[in-house]
C-alpha atoms as a PDB file:
ATOM      1  CA  MET A   1      10.982 -43.085   9.056  1.00  0.00           C
ATOM      2  CA  GLU A   2       8.046 -40.708   8.694  1.00  0.00           C
ATOM      3  CA  PHE A   3       8.644 -39.461  12.244  1.00  0.00           C
ATOM      4  CA  PHE A   4      12.263 -38.526  11.508  1.00  0.00           C
ATOM      5  CA  HIS A   5      11.235 -36.877   8.265  1.00  0.00           C
ATOM      6  CA  ASP A   6       8.587 -34.811  10.045  1.00  0.00           C
ATOM      7  CA  ILE A   7      11.130 -33.664  12.645  1.00  0.00           C
ATOM      8  CA  LEU A   8      12.844 -31.703   9.866  1.00  0.00           C
ATOM      9  CA  ARG A   9       9.574 -30.576   8.289  1.00  0.00           C
ATOM     10  CA  TYR A  10       7.709 -29.160  11.271  1.00  0.00           C
ATOM     11  CA  SER A  11       9.268 -26.643  13.632  1.00  0.00           C
ATOM     12  CA  PHE A  12       7.035 -27.613  16.562  1.00  0.00           C
ATOM     13  CA  LEU A  13       8.270 -31.224  16.323  1.00  0.00           C
ATOM     14  CA  THR A  14      11.868 -30.039  15.996  1.00  0.00           C
ATOM     15  CA  ASN A  15      11.438 -27.950  19.140  1.00  0.00           C
ATOM     16  CA  ALA A  16       9.900 -30.937  20.932  1.00  0.00           C
ATOM     17  CA  VAL A  17      12.868 -33.186  20.141  1.00  0.00           C
ATOM     18  CA  ILE A  18      15.396 -30.530  21.176  1.00  0.00           C
ATOM     19  CA  ALA A  19      13.448 -29.989  24.401  1.00  0.00           C
ATOM     20  CA  CYS A  20      13.578 -33.766  25.002  1.00  0.00           C
ATOM     21  CA  VAL A  21      17.346 -33.762  24.817  1.00  0.00           C
ATOM     22  CA  LEU A  22      17.878 -30.671  26.957  1.00  0.00           C
ATOM     23  CA  SER A  23      15.326 -31.485  29.657  1.00  0.00           C
ATOM     24  CA  GLY A  24      16.650 -35.048  29.740  1.00  0.00           C
ATOM     25  CA  ILE A  25      20.159 -33.796  30.442  1.00  0.00           C
ATOM     26  CA  VAL A  26      18.959 -31.415  33.162  1.00  0.00           C
ATOM     27  CA  CYS A  27      16.650 -33.919  34.869  1.00  0.00           C
ATOM     28  CA  GLY A  28      19.091 -36.813  34.535  1.00  0.00           C
ATOM     29  CA  VAL A  29      21.968 -34.943  36.156  1.00  0.00           C
ATOM     30  CA  LEU A  30      19.955 -33.123  38.830  1.00  0.00           C
ATOM     31  CA  GLY A  31      17.997 -36.309  39.501  1.00  0.00           C
ATOM     32  CA  THR A  32      21.238 -37.970  40.628  1.00  0.00           C
ATOM     33  CA  TYR A  33      21.660 -35.353  43.354  1.00  0.00           C
ATOM     34  CA  ILE A  34      17.975 -35.636  44.289  1.00  0.00           C
ATOM     35  CA  VAL A  35      18.040 -39.432  44.598  1.00  0.00           C
ATOM     36  CA  CYS A  36      21.397 -39.626  46.387  1.00  0.00           C
ATOM     37  CA  ARG A  37      20.400 -36.943  48.889  1.00  0.00           C
ATOM     38  CA  ARG A  38      17.011 -38.637  49.316  1.00  0.00           C
ATOM     39  CA  MET A  39      15.136 -35.439  48.573  1.00  0.00           C
ATOM     40  CA  VAL A  40      12.575 -36.871  46.144  1.00  0.00           C
ATOM     41  CA  PHE A  41       9.763 -35.562  48.346  1.00  0.00           C
ATOM     42  CA  LEU A  42      11.403 -32.111  48.295  1.00  0.00           C
ATOM     43  CA  SER A  43      11.495 -32.069  44.496  1.00  0.00           C
ATOM     44  CA  GLY A  44       7.837 -33.120  44.471  1.00  0.00           C
ATOM     45  CA  GLY A  45       6.988 -30.253  46.805  1.00  0.00           C
ATOM     46  CA  ILE A  46       8.790 -27.702  44.631  1.00  0.00           C
ATOM     47  CA  THR A  47       7.215 -29.158  41.490  1.00  0.00           C
ATOM     48  CA  HIS A  48       3.666 -28.816  42.775  1.00  0.00           C
ATOM     49  CA  ALA A  49       4.344 -25.472  44.461  1.00  0.00           C
ATOM     50  CA  SER A  50       5.294 -24.050  41.053  1.00  0.00           C
ATOM     51  CA  PHE A  51       1.617 -24.211  40.090  1.00  0.00           C
ATOM     52  CA  GLY A  52       1.035 -21.341  42.507  1.00  0.00           C
ATOM     53  CA  GLY A  53       3.437 -19.177  40.522  1.00  0.00           C
ATOM     54  CA  ILE A  54       1.721 -20.190  37.285  1.00  0.00           C
ATOM     55  CA  GLY A  55      -1.694 -19.174  38.620  1.00  0.00           C
ATOM     56  CA  ILE A  56      -0.481 -15.847  40.048  1.00  0.00           C
ATOM     57  CA  ALA A  57       1.420 -14.961  36.852  1.00  0.00           C
ATOM     58  CA  HIS A  58      -1.626 -15.738  34.735  1.00  0.00           C
ATOM     59  CA  TYR A  59      -3.813 -13.585  36.977  1.00  0.00           C
ATOM     60  CA  LEU A  60      -1.352 -10.689  36.588  1.00  0.00           C
ATOM     61  CA  GLY A  61      -1.094 -11.189  32.833  1.00  0.00           C
ATOM     62  CA  GLN A  62       2.541 -12.307  32.957  1.00  0.00           C
ATOM     63  CA  ASP A  63       4.430 -15.310  31.558  1.00  0.00           C
ATOM     64  CA  PRO A  64       3.362 -18.391  33.582  1.00  0.00           C
ATOM     65  CA  ILE A  65       6.840 -19.954  33.290  1.00  0.00           C
ATOM     66  CA  LEU A  66       8.411 -16.842  34.820  1.00  0.00           C
ATOM     67  CA  GLY A  67       5.916 -16.970  37.678  1.00  0.00           C
ATOM     68  CA  ALA A  68       6.615 -20.681  38.187  1.00  0.00           C
ATOM     69  CA  ALA A  69      10.371 -20.022  38.236  1.00  0.00           C
ATOM     70  CA  LEU A  70      10.139 -17.298  40.888  1.00  0.00           C
ATOM     71  CA  PHE A  71       7.714 -19.308  43.032  1.00  0.00           C
ATOM     72  CA  SER A  72       9.792 -22.499  42.757  1.00  0.00           C
ATOM     73  CA  VAL A  73      13.065 -20.786  43.671  1.00  0.00           C
ATOM     74  CA  LEU A  74      11.468 -19.046  46.655  1.00  0.00           C
ATOM     75  CA  SER A  75       9.928 -22.369  47.739  1.00  0.00           C
ATOM     76  CA  ALA A  76      13.263 -24.198  47.507  1.00  0.00           C
ATOM     77  CA  VAL A  77      15.118 -21.488  49.445  1.00  0.00           C
ATOM     78  CA  GLY A  78      12.323 -21.257  52.012  1.00  0.00           C
ATOM     79  CA  ILE A  79      12.308 -25.006  52.648  1.00  0.00           C
ATOM     80  CA  GLU A  80      16.105 -25.116  53.035  1.00  0.00           C
ATOM     81  CA  TRP A  81      16.088 -22.084  55.352  1.00  0.00           C
ATOM     82  CA  SER A  82      13.261 -23.230  57.609  1.00  0.00           C
ATOM     83  CA  SER A  83      14.571 -26.794  57.930  1.00  0.00           C
ATOM     84  CA  SER A  84      18.190 -25.690  58.566  1.00  0.00           C
ATOM     85  CA  ARG A  85      17.062 -23.333  61.338  1.00  0.00           C
ATOM     86  CA  GLY A  86      15.103 -26.144  62.941  1.00  0.00           C
ATOM     87  CA  GLN A  87      11.952 -24.021  63.061  1.00  0.00           C
ATOM     88  CA  VAL A  88       9.961 -26.488  60.965  1.00  0.00           C
ATOM     89  CA  ARG A  89      10.769 -30.098  60.117  1.00  0.00           C
ATOM     90  CA  GLU A  90      11.773 -30.488  56.474  1.00  0.00           C
ATOM     91  CA  ASP A  91       8.967 -32.921  55.644  1.00  0.00           C
ATOM     92  CA  SER A  92       6.433 -30.571  57.253  1.00  0.00           C
ATOM     93  CA  ALA A  93       7.799 -27.561  55.348  1.00  0.00           C
ATOM     94  CA  ILE A  94       7.620 -29.510  52.078  1.00  0.00           C
ATOM     95  CA  GLY A  95       4.024 -30.583  52.726  1.00  0.00           C
ATOM     96  CA  ILE A  96       2.986 -27.011  53.526  1.00  0.00           C
ATOM     97  CA  VAL A  97       4.664 -25.534  50.440  1.00  0.00           C
ATOM     98  CA  TRP A  98       3.258 -28.334  48.264  1.00  0.00           C
ATOM     99  CA  SER A  99      -0.365 -27.805  49.318  1.00  0.00           C
ATOM    100  CA  VAL A 100      -0.246 -24.004  49.578  1.00  0.00           C
ATOM    101  CA  GLY A 101       1.320 -23.690  46.122  1.00  0.00           C
ATOM    102  CA  MET A 102      -1.329 -25.839  44.486  1.00  0.00           C
ATOM    103  CA  ALA A 103      -4.105 -24.049  46.387  1.00  0.00           C
ATOM    104  CA  LEU A 104      -2.855 -20.599  45.330  1.00  0.00           C
ATOM    105  CA  GLY A 105      -2.578 -21.708  41.718  1.00  0.00           C
ATOM    106  CA  ILE A 106      -6.163 -22.979  41.670  1.00  0.00           C
ATOM    107  CA  ILE A 107      -7.496 -19.868  43.447  1.00  0.00           C
ATOM    108  CA  PHE A 108      -5.835 -17.387  41.098  1.00  0.00           C
ATOM    109  CA  ILE A 109      -6.806 -19.369  37.999  1.00  0.00           C
ATOM    110  CA  TYR A 110     -10.458 -19.252  39.074  1.00  0.00           C
ATOM    111  CA  MET A 111     -10.169 -15.546  39.935  1.00  0.00           C
ATOM    112  CA  THR A 112      -8.937 -14.729  36.427  1.00  0.00           C
ATOM    113  CA  PRO A 113     -11.754 -13.609  34.114  1.00  0.00           C
ATOM    114  CA  GLY A 114     -12.474 -16.003  31.245  1.00  0.00           C
ATOM    115  CA  TYR A 115     -11.383 -19.597  30.681  1.00  0.00           C
ATOM    116  CA  ALA A 116      -7.738 -20.603  30.704  1.00  0.00           C
ATOM    117  CA  PRO A 117      -7.521 -23.991  28.950  1.00  0.00           C
ATOM    118  CA  ASN A 118      -3.803 -23.694  28.262  1.00  0.00           C
ATOM    119  CA  LEU A 119      -2.929 -23.766  31.976  1.00  0.00           C
ATOM    120  CA  MET A 120      -4.007 -27.380  32.288  1.00  0.00           C
ATOM    121  CA  SER A 121      -1.151 -28.299  29.962  1.00  0.00           C
ATOM    122  CA  PHE A 122       1.240 -27.334  32.747  1.00  0.00           C
ATOM    123  CA  LEU A 123      -0.194 -30.125  34.892  1.00  0.00           C
ATOM    124  CA  PHE A 124       0.171 -32.891  32.319  1.00  0.00           C
ATOM    125  CA  GLY A 125       2.702 -31.482  29.878  1.00  0.00           C
ATOM    126  CA  SER A 126       2.462 -30.198  26.336  1.00  0.00           C
ATOM    127  CA  ILE A 127       5.817 -30.759  24.709  1.00  0.00           C
ATOM    128  CA  LEU A 128       4.545 -29.728  21.284  1.00  0.00           C
ATOM    129  CA  ALA A 129       3.922 -26.246  22.720  1.00  0.00           C
ATOM    130  CA  VAL A 130       7.628 -25.697  23.448  1.00  0.00           C
ATOM    131  CA  THR A 131       8.858 -22.368  22.095  1.00  0.00           C
ATOM    132  CA  SER A 132      12.283 -21.158  20.988  1.00  0.00           C
ATOM    133  CA  SER A 133      12.639 -19.131  24.182  1.00  0.00           C
ATOM    134  CA  ASP A 134      11.919 -22.282  26.226  1.00  0.00           C
ATOM    135  CA  ILE A 135      14.704 -24.076  24.373  1.00  0.00           C
ATOM    136  CA  VAL A 136      17.159 -21.245  24.962  1.00  0.00           C
ATOM    137  CA  ALA A 137      16.348 -21.168  28.694  1.00  0.00           C
ATOM    138  CA  THR A 138      16.581 -24.954  29.085  1.00  0.00           C
ATOM    139  CA  GLY A 139      19.768 -25.095  26.997  1.00  0.00           C
ATOM    140  CA  THR A 140      21.400 -22.425  29.141  1.00  0.00           C
ATOM    141  CA  LEU A 141      20.441 -24.292  32.303  1.00  0.00           C
ATOM    142  CA  ALA A 142      21.751 -27.579  30.841  1.00  0.00           C
ATOM    143  CA  VAL A 143      25.146 -25.982  30.166  1.00  0.00           C
ATOM    144  CA  ILE A 144      25.259 -24.550  33.710  1.00  0.00           C
ATOM    145  CA  VAL A 145      24.248 -27.853  35.327  1.00  0.00           C
ATOM    146  CA  VAL A 146      26.737 -29.964  33.359  1.00  0.00           C
ATOM    147  CA  GLY A 147      29.503 -27.407  33.898  1.00  0.00           C
ATOM    148  CA  LEU A 148      28.949 -27.179  37.648  1.00  0.00           C
ATOM    149  CA  PHE A 149      28.697 -30.953  38.096  1.00  0.00           C
ATOM    150  CA  THR A 150      31.945 -31.316  36.134  1.00  0.00           C
ATOM    151  CA  LEU A 151      33.863 -28.621  38.030  1.00  0.00           C
ATOM    152  CA  PHE A 152      32.418 -29.227  41.509  1.00  0.00           C
ATOM    153  CA  HIS A 153      31.781 -32.950  41.354  1.00  0.00           C
ATOM    154  CA  ARG A 154      33.186 -33.837  44.777  1.00  0.00           C
ATOM    155  CA  PRO A 155      31.587 -31.052  46.887  1.00  0.00           C
ATOM    156  CA  VAL A 156      28.170 -31.807  45.381  1.00  0.00           C
ATOM    157  CA  MET A 157      28.672 -35.539  45.945  1.00  0.00           C
ATOM    158  CA  TYR A 158      29.761 -35.014  49.570  1.00  0.00           C
ATOM    159  CA  VAL A 159      26.697 -32.874  50.317  1.00  0.00           C
ATOM    160  CA  ALA A 160      24.408 -35.368  48.565  1.00  0.00           C
ATOM    161  CA  PHE A 161      25.635 -38.357  50.597  1.00  0.00           C
ATOM    162  CA  ASP A 162      26.733 -36.954  53.965  1.00  0.00           C
ATOM    163  CA  ARG A 163      26.432 -33.297  54.947  1.00  0.00           C
ATOM    164  CA  ASP A 164      28.390 -33.771  58.184  1.00  0.00           C
ATOM    165  CA  PHE A 165      31.312 -35.338  56.322  1.00  0.00           C
ATOM    166  CA  ALA A 166      31.123 -32.569  53.715  1.00  0.00           C
ATOM    167  CA  ALA A 167      31.376 -29.946  56.462  1.00  0.00           C
ATOM    168  CA  SER A 168      34.414 -31.735  57.955  1.00  0.00           C
ATOM    169  CA  GLN A 169      36.099 -31.501  54.539  1.00  0.00           C
ATOM    170  CA  GLY A 170      35.610 -27.736  54.427  1.00  0.00           C
ATOM    171  CA  VAL A 171      32.712 -27.804  51.959  1.00  0.00           C
ATOM    172  CA  PRO A 172      30.310 -24.848  52.404  1.00  0.00           C
ATOM    173  CA  VAL A 173      27.334 -27.143  52.945  1.00  0.00           C
ATOM    174  CA  MET A 174      24.616 -24.514  53.213  1.00  0.00           C
ATOM    175  CA  ALA A 175      25.837 -22.608  50.157  1.00  0.00           C
ATOM    176  CA  VAL A 176      25.913 -25.810  48.099  1.00  0.00           C
ATOM    177  CA  SER A 177      22.490 -26.862  49.422  1.00  0.00           C
ATOM    178  CA  TYR A 178      20.911 -23.501  48.586  1.00  0.00           C
ATOM    179  CA  PHE A 179      22.490 -23.381  45.144  1.00  0.00           C
ATOM    180  CA  MET A 180      21.518 -26.954  44.287  1.00  0.00           C
ATOM    181  CA  GLY A 181      17.988 -26.244  45.548  1.00  0.00           C
ATOM    182  CA  ILE A 182      17.770 -23.293  43.154  1.00  0.00           C
ATOM    183  CA  LEU A 183      19.076 -25.401  40.254  1.00  0.00           C
ATOM    184  CA  VAL A 184      16.542 -28.128  41.030  1.00  0.00           C
ATOM    185  CA  ALA A 185      13.760 -25.517  41.123  1.00  0.00           C
ATOM    186  CA  LEU A 186      14.805 -24.081  37.747  1.00  0.00           C
ATOM    187  CA  GLY A 187      15.234 -27.557  36.276  1.00  0.00           C
ATOM    188  CA  ILE A 188      11.708 -28.383  37.363  1.00  0.00           C
ATOM    189  CA  VAL A 189      10.222 -25.235  35.844  1.00  0.00           C
ATOM    190  CA  PHE A 190      12.010 -25.536  32.502  1.00  0.00           C
ATOM    191  CA  SER A 191      10.946 -29.187  32.200  1.00  0.00           C
ATOM    192  CA  ILE A 192       7.264 -28.640  33.004  1.00  0.00           C
ATOM    193  CA  ARG A 193       6.239 -28.553  29.351  1.00  0.00           C
ATOM    194  CA  THR A 194       7.951 -31.912  28.771  1.00  0.00           C
ATOM    195  CA  VAL A 195       5.928 -34.116  31.140  1.00  0.00           C
ATOM    196  CA  GLY A 196       3.917 -31.709  33.305  1.00  0.00           C
ATOM    197  CA  ILE A 197       3.823 -30.959  37.014  1.00  0.00           C
ATOM    198  CA  VAL A 198       2.013 -34.176  37.955  1.00  0.00           C
ATOM    199  CA  LEU A 199       4.568 -36.506  36.331  1.00  0.00           C
ATOM    200  CA  LEU A 200       7.761 -34.454  36.556  1.00  0.00           C
ATOM    201  CA  ILE A 201       8.881 -35.972  39.849  1.00  0.00           C
ATOM    202  CA  SER A 202       9.176 -39.312  38.017  1.00  0.00           C
ATOM    203  CA  LEU A 203      11.417 -37.841  35.295  1.00  0.00           C
ATOM    204  CA  LEU A 204      13.690 -36.509  38.042  1.00  0.00           C
ATOM    205  CA  THR A 205      14.001 -39.855  39.815  1.00  0.00           C
ATOM    206  CA  LEU A 206      13.480 -42.773  37.406  1.00  0.00           C
ATOM    207  CA  PRO A 207      16.573 -42.208  35.185  1.00  0.00           C
ATOM    208  CA  ALA A 208      18.919 -42.016  38.185  1.00  0.00           C
ATOM    209  CA  VAL A 209      17.320 -45.081  39.781  1.00  0.00           C
ATOM    210  CA  ILE A 210      17.663 -47.011  36.506  1.00  0.00           C
ATOM    211  CA  ALA A 211      21.318 -45.976  36.182  1.00  0.00           C
ATOM    212  CA  ASN A 212      21.900 -47.066  39.781  1.00  0.00           C
ATOM    213  CA  VAL A 213      21.051 -50.633  38.748  1.00  0.00           C
ATOM    214  CA  PHE A 214      24.283 -50.725  36.729  1.00  0.00           C
ATOM    215  CA  THR A 215      26.639 -48.551  38.765  1.00  0.00           C
ATOM    216  CA  LYS A 216      27.112 -47.118  42.247  1.00  0.00           C
ATOM    217  CA  SER A 217      29.407 -44.287  41.116  1.00  0.00           C
ATOM    218  CA  PHE A 218      27.888 -40.817  41.572  1.00  0.00           C
ATOM    219  CA  GLY A 219      29.519 -39.514  38.393  1.00  0.00           C
ATOM    220  CA  ARG A 220      28.452 -42.486  36.288  1.00  0.00           C
ATOM    221  CA  ILE A 221      24.903 -42.335  37.632  1.00  0.00           C
ATOM    222  CA  ALA A 222      24.734 -38.665  36.584  1.00  0.00           C
ATOM    223  CA  LEU A 223      26.102 -39.478  33.126  1.00  0.00           C
ATOM    224  CA  TRP A 224      23.891 -42.491  32.474  1.00  0.00           C
ATOM    225  CA  GLY A 225      20.930 -40.835  34.148  1.00  0.00           C
ATOM    226  CA  ALA A 226      21.132 -38.052  31.563  1.00  0.00           C
ATOM    227  CA  VAL A 227      21.448 -40.567  28.711  1.00  0.00           C
ATOM    228  CA  ILE A 228      18.483 -42.589  29.989  1.00  0.00           C
ATOM    229  CA  ALA A 229      16.334 -39.476  30.514  1.00  0.00           C
ATOM    230  CA  VAL A 230      17.076 -38.249  26.986  1.00  0.00           C
ATOM    231  CA  ALA A 231      16.292 -41.679  25.522  1.00  0.00           C
ATOM    232  CA  GLY A 232      13.082 -41.937  27.567  1.00  0.00           C
ATOM    233  CA  ASN A 233      11.954 -38.484  26.478  1.00  0.00           C
ATOM    234  CA  PHE A 234      12.663 -39.236  22.832  1.00  0.00           C
ATOM    235  CA  LEU A 235      10.835 -42.565  22.936  1.00  0.00           C
ATOM    236  CA  GLY A 236       7.948 -40.816  24.687  1.00  0.00           C
ATOM    237  CA  VAL A 237       7.627 -38.272  21.877  1.00  0.00           C
ATOM    238  CA  TRP A 238       7.919 -41.008  19.248  1.00  0.00           C
ATOM    239  CA  THR A 239       5.237 -43.089  20.988  1.00  0.00           C
ATOM    240  CA  SER A 240       3.046 -39.997  21.279  1.00  0.00           C
ATOM    241  CA  TYR A 241       3.460 -39.345  17.555  1.00  0.00           C
ATOM    242  CA  MET A 242       2.671 -42.940  16.581  1.00  0.00           C
ATOM    243  CA  MET A 243      -0.211 -43.606  19.002  1.00  0.00           C
ATOM    244  CA  ASP A 244      -1.608 -40.080  19.515  1.00  0.00           C
ATOM    245  CA  ILE A 245      -1.222 -40.137  23.306  1.00  0.00           C
ATOM    246  CA  PRO A 246       0.332 -37.550  25.671  1.00  0.00           C
ATOM    247  CA  ALA A 247       4.134 -37.552  25.369  1.00  0.00           C
ATOM    248  CA  GLY A 248       4.744 -37.020  29.087  1.00  0.00           C
ATOM    249  CA  ALA A 249       2.662 -39.991  30.155  1.00  0.00           C
ATOM    250  CA  ALA A 250       4.288 -42.162  27.474  1.00  0.00           C
ATOM    251  CA  THR A 251       7.763 -41.154  28.675  1.00  0.00           C
ATOM    252  CA  ILE A 252       7.075 -42.030  32.308  1.00  0.00           C
ATOM    253  CA  PHE A 253       5.404 -45.313  31.372  1.00  0.00           C
ATOM    254  CA  ILE A 254       8.401 -46.342  29.246  1.00  0.00           C
ATOM    255  CA  LEU A 255      10.878 -45.452  31.997  1.00  0.00           C
ATOM    256  CA  SER A 256       8.796 -47.267  34.627  1.00  0.00           C
ATOM    257  CA  ILE A 257       8.570 -50.460  32.557  1.00  0.00           C
ATOM    258  CA  THR A 258      12.309 -50.256  31.861  1.00  0.00           C
ATOM    259  CA  LEU A 259      13.058 -50.009  35.578  1.00  0.00           C
ATOM    260  CA  LEU A 260      10.814 -52.978  36.415  1.00  0.00           C
ATOM    261  CA  ILE A 261      12.418 -55.152  33.719  1.00  0.00           C
ATOM    262  CA  LEU A 262      15.973 -54.237  34.721  1.00  0.00           C
ATOM    263  CA  LYS A 263      15.284 -54.700  38.435  1.00  0.00           C
ATOM    264  CA  GLY A 264      13.752 -58.099  37.718  1.00  0.00           C
ATOM    265  CA  ALA A 265      16.695 -59.146  35.544  1.00  0.00           C
ATOM    266  CA  HIS A 266      19.181 -57.895  38.143  1.00  0.00           C
ATOM    267  CA  ALA A 267      17.444 -59.815  40.935  1.00  0.00           C
ATOM    268  CA  ALA A 268      17.370 -62.962  38.778  1.00  0.00           C
ATOM    269  CA  ASN A 269      21.108 -62.656  38.090  1.00  0.00           C
ATOM    270  CA  ILE A 270      21.826 -62.320  41.804  1.00  0.00           C
ATOM    271  CA  ARG A 271      19.761 -65.430  42.584  1.00  0.00           C
ATOM    272  CA  MET A 272      21.528 -67.410  39.857  1.00  0.00           C
ATOM    273  CA  ALA A 273      24.940 -66.312  41.142  1.00  0.00           C
ATOM    274  CA  ARG A 274      24.015 -67.353  44.674  1.00  0.00           C
ATOM    275  CA  ASN A 275      22.718 -70.725  43.475  1.00  0.00           C
ATOM    276  CA  ARG A 276      25.966 -71.366  41.557  1.00  0.00           C
ATOM    277  CA  SER A 277      27.952 -70.357  44.624  1.00  0.00           C
ATOM    278  CA  HIS A 278      26.006 -72.760  46.851  1.00  0.00           C
ATOM    279  CA  ALA A 279      26.331 -75.547  44.276  1.00  0.00           C
ATOM    280  CA  ALA A 280      30.093 -75.009  44.033  1.00  0.00           C
ATOM    281  CA  GLY A 281      30.372 -74.947  47.831  1.00  0.00           C
END
């Protein structure tokens, strides 16, 4: 009960809980598109490339989140453009952007006079450092993501599962791909403070994978993925509060254990059903 009481007492804890809910919604919904389109590696590339924008922005004396947003969006668009033109294989483009982004971030951080201890929080998360402006930005993105998935459910689903089929149905595949890439990039940037660059790829994939254990419906996976991500984030903050450990790491550990337990239970149920079927036969 002390945790819930402190949520109302301390603004930084209130901001952390609100950020948990909003980033959970964004990552849960966008994670469905990422998992179904099998672009987990792409999201990892964009996530790590954002560190380049953080380093450059810090060197120039600007907001690191703004730098990460610009760098991530340009990385997402660049990967889509180069792979669609056939100039560079998508996996190669992702690997290049991933490594170059991280390298640039490290270089510019070391070139900046003085010590920048706060930048390391972007790698591993610092949810208690969430500001009101972060909440407004993430909340706005959450509304946009939920609204677009609600209004354009089928085109997004078609592109996620089969781009050739989507094109045959008159869906503007490239426009949807570019736009979803930009949303994923922004979702990544606005969720960095929650779990950090290193662990963010897991927050984008684990909730959707867990939801997929129960349902194969794209819409239901998006809905339950958001619910699971929010619950995982909240439990991560609660565990962090109770055990004095990083919230991001706690969140990913909880989601990972949940997935292992559910997968094990699901496999056991399938074996039992098969055994009953053989016994009846």
